[in-house]
Protein backbone atom coordinates (compact mmCIF):
# COMPACT_ATOMS: atom_id res chain seq x y z
CA UNK A 1 -10.30 -5.54 13.28
CA UNK A 2 -9.94 -2.72 11.05
CA UNK A 3 -11.21 -0.96 7.51
CA UNK A 4 -9.39 -1.87 4.38
CA UNK A 5 -10.13 0.49 1.28
CA UNK A 6 -9.29 0.64 -1.90
CA UNK A 7 -9.01 2.30 -5.05
CA UNK A 8 -8.94 0.82 -8.57
CA UNK A 9 -9.89 0.71 -11.84
CA UNK A 10 -7.18 4.06 -13.16
CA UNK A 11 -4.27 3.79 -14.52
CA UNK A 12 -1.36 2.62 -12.53
CA UNK A 13 0.39 6.21 -12.23
CA UNK A 14 -2.87 7.30 -11.08
CA UNK A 15 -3.18 5.23 -8.80
CA UNK A 16 -0.42 6.13 -7.35
CA UNK A 17 -0.71 9.99 -7.43
CA UNK A 18 -3.37 9.65 -6.18
CA UNK A 19 -2.25 7.59 -2.71
CA UNK A 20 0.89 9.96 -2.86
CA UNK A 21 -1.39 13.04 -2.71
CA UNK A 22 -3.74 11.54 0.71
CA UNK A 23 -0.47 10.45 1.99
CA UNK A 24 1.06 13.63 1.33
CA UNK A 25 -2.46 15.97 2.85
CA UNK A 26 -2.08 13.09 5.94
CA UNK A 27 1.72 13.42 6.98
CA UNK A 28 0.68 17.05 6.43
CA UNK A 29 -1.45 16.78 9.32
CA UNK A 30 0.36 14.94 11.57
CA UNK A 31 -0.81 11.77 10.80
CA UNK A 32 1.69 8.91 11.20
CA UNK A 33 1.58 6.60 8.59
CA UNK A 34 3.52 3.52 7.46
CA UNK A 35 3.90 1.36 4.19
CA UNK A 36 4.61 1.78 0.62
CA UNK A 37 4.04 4.26 -1.87
CA UNK A 38 5.30 3.21 -5.65
CA UNK A 39 7.29 5.88 -7.24
CA UNK A 40 7.96 7.23 -10.83
CA UNK A 41 11.67 5.63 -12.16
CA UNK A 42 14.33 7.78 -13.81
CA UNK A 43 13.91 4.30 -16.06
CA UNK A 44 11.28 2.35 -17.45
CA UNK A 45 12.29 -1.17 -16.60
CA UNK A 46 12.58 -0.33 -12.28
CA UNK A 47 9.97 -0.53 -10.56
CA UNK A 48 10.30 1.58 -7.29
CA UNK A 49 8.57 2.24 -3.98
CA UNK A 50 9.09 5.08 -1.25
CA UNK A 51 8.48 3.27 2.19
CA UNK A 52 6.36 5.42 4.84
CA UNK A 53 7.11 7.65 6.80
CA UNK A 54 9.60 9.27 4.82
CA UNK A 55 11.48 6.37 4.41
CA UNK A 56 14.03 5.06 1.53
CA UNK A 57 13.25 4.51 -2.19
CA UNK A 58 13.87 1.00 -2.62
CA UNK A 59 14.46 -0.53 -6.26
CA UNK A 60 12.31 -3.55 -5.97
CA UNK A 61 12.62 -5.31 -9.49
CA UNK A 62 15.39 -7.09 -11.14
CA UNK A 63 17.20 -6.39 -14.63
CA UNK A 64 16.49 -8.90 -16.80
CA UNK A 65 17.52 -8.36 -20.39
CA UNK A 66 16.03 -6.21 -23.63
CA UNK A 67 14.23 -8.78 -24.76
CA UNK A 68 13.23 -10.57 -21.89
CA UNK A 69 9.30 -11.08 -21.64
CA UNK A 70 8.60 -12.37 -17.29
CA UNK A 71 8.34 -10.67 -14.10
CA UNK A 72 10.57 -7.32 -13.44
CA UNK A 73 9.92 -8.19 -10.00
CA UNK A 74 12.33 -9.17 -7.35
CA UNK A 75 10.50 -11.04 -4.53
CA UNK A 76 13.70 -10.87 -2.23
CA UNK A 77 13.76 -7.07 -2.39
CA UNK A 78 9.66 -6.74 -2.22
CA UNK A 79 10.40 -8.90 1.24
CA UNK A 80 12.88 -6.56 2.19
CA UNK A 81 10.65 -3.31 1.50
CA UNK A 82 7.57 -5.84 3.73
CA UNK A 83 10.03 -6.13 6.54
CA UNK A 84 10.72 -2.47 6.61
CA UNK A 85 7.34 -1.44 6.40
CA UNK A 86 6.17 -4.08 9.38
CA UNK A 87 8.65 -3.10 12.16
CA UNK A 88 6.95 0.78 11.51
CA UNK A 89 3.58 -0.66 12.47
CA UNK A 90 5.58 -2.22 15.61
CA UNK A 91 4.01 -0.90 18.51
CA UNK A 92 6.57 -1.83 21.01
CA UNK A 93 8.72 1.21 19.13
CA UNK A 94 6.03 3.11 19.53
CA UNK A 95 3.03 4.89 18.38
CA UNK A 96 1.30 3.02 16.36
CA UNK A 97 0.03 3.95 12.94
CA UNK A 98 -2.86 6.04 12.08
CA UNK A 99 -2.91 4.43 8.47
CA UNK A 100 -0.84 1.70 6.54
CA UNK A 101 -0.48 2.77 2.77
CA UNK A 102 -0.07 0.24 0.52
CA UNK A 103 0.89 0.91 -3.49
CA UNK A 104 -0.79 -2.46 -4.78
CA UNK A 105 -2.47 -5.64 -4.18
CA UNK A 106 -0.67 -7.07 -6.92
CA UNK A 107 0.39 -11.12 -8.28
CA UNK A 108 2.49 -11.42 -5.39
CA UNK A 109 -0.76 -10.33 -2.72
CA UNK A 110 -2.71 -12.18 -4.52
CA UNK A 111 -0.47 -15.48 -4.27
CA UNK A 112 -0.41 -14.82 -0.44
CA UNK A 113 3.17 -12.74 -0.18
CA UNK A 114 4.27 -9.95 0.04
CA UNK A 115 2.55 -7.14 1.85
CA UNK A 116 -0.67 -9.48 2.20
CA UNK A 117 0.31 -10.70 5.59
CA UNK A 118 1.20 -7.28 6.51
CA UNK A 119 -2.10 -6.32 5.77
CA UNK A 120 -3.41 -8.89 8.00
CA UNK A 121 -1.75 -7.25 10.75
CA UNK A 122 -2.12 -3.51 11.11
CA UNK A 123 -5.66 -4.89 10.19
CA UNK A 124 -5.96 -7.51 13.57
CA UNK A 125 -4.07 -4.91 15.70
CA UNK A 126 -7.06 -1.94 14.31
CA UNK A 127 -4.60 0.20 12.09
CA UNK A 128 -6.88 0.96 9.06
CA UNK A 129 -5.20 -0.25 5.34
CA UNK A 130 -5.45 2.43 1.61
CA UNK A 131 -4.63 0.18 -1.14
CA UNK A 132 -5.16 0.27 -4.90
CA UNK A 133 -6.09 -3.02 -6.21
CA UNK A 134 -5.52 -3.52 -10.01
CA UNK A 135 -8.74 -4.86 -11.90
CA UNK A 136 -6.65 -8.31 -12.93
CA UNK A 137 -6.39 -8.92 -9.33
CA UNK A 138 -9.51 -8.55 -7.88
CA UNK A 139 -10.81 -11.54 -7.52
CA UNK A 140 -8.35 -12.34 -5.48
CA UNK A 141 -8.33 -9.38 -3.36
CA UNK A 142 -12.12 -10.10 -2.76
CA UNK A 143 -11.62 -13.72 -1.58
CA UNK A 144 -8.80 -11.98 0.22
CA UNK A 145 -10.88 -9.98 2.39
CA UNK A 146 -14.18 -11.74 2.30
CA UNK A 147 -16.01 -8.87 0.49
CA UNK A 148 -15.41 -6.55 3.67
CA UNK A 149 -13.76 -4.06 1.99
CA UNK A 150 -15.11 -0.14 0.90
CA UNK A 151 -14.28 0.71 -3.13
CA UNK A 152 -13.30 4.27 -2.77
CA UNK A 153 -13.19 5.89 -6.37
CA UNK A 154 -9.79 7.92 -7.33
CA UNK A 155 -10.24 10.14 -5.77
CA UNK A 156 -7.56 11.70 -3.33
CA UNK A 157 -10.65 14.23 -1.18
CA UNK A 158 -12.78 11.46 -1.65
CA UNK A 159 -10.38 9.12 0.16
CA UNK A 160 -8.83 11.19 2.50
CA UNK A 161 -12.68 12.54 3.91
CA UNK A 162 -13.07 8.38 4.24
CA UNK A 163 -9.22 8.04 6.05
CA UNK A 164 -10.72 11.12 8.38
CA UNK A 165 -13.27 8.64 9.28
CA UNK A 166 -11.51 5.59 9.67
CA UNK A 167 -9.19 7.40 12.24
CA UNK A 168 -11.98 9.20 14.15
CA UNK A 169 -13.52 5.64 14.42
CA UNK A 170 -10.33 4.02 15.93
CA UNK A 171 -10.06 6.97 19.00
CA UNK A 172 -13.71 6.98 19.41
């Protein structure tokens, strides 16, 4: 089983920026990446994911109306995004990715759905995972990882160092 590193404690926009910076730097170094990054939506009531590597921008929210207070997540759209990300780690299609990046361990993952099965599959296949975790989902994340996840500061340089260490460990 491979390693999982996570960042937490900062705002969602800051965490998205850290993960995007890490993905950009690793891609520039020639790393094969898989997963999804949060992307700034054109509208504040939209949630967007950008699939890696260089994949499409997908809307994963539903329009509930001006006065709605419920969850905006479109679970079917999220599951579609997960399916596309899963195809990217399918080793039968070629070289497996060096890293799976997941924009968030959210309520859906805490409930056992969303990217959670893909995270487990990547770890079993020896692919390190980098993920952002909101403080409100930390208990569920800790239960899922059984305490074996590595906390990382929300600093792109230190996260990059961890990623490079994981790559060296999986090659060696």
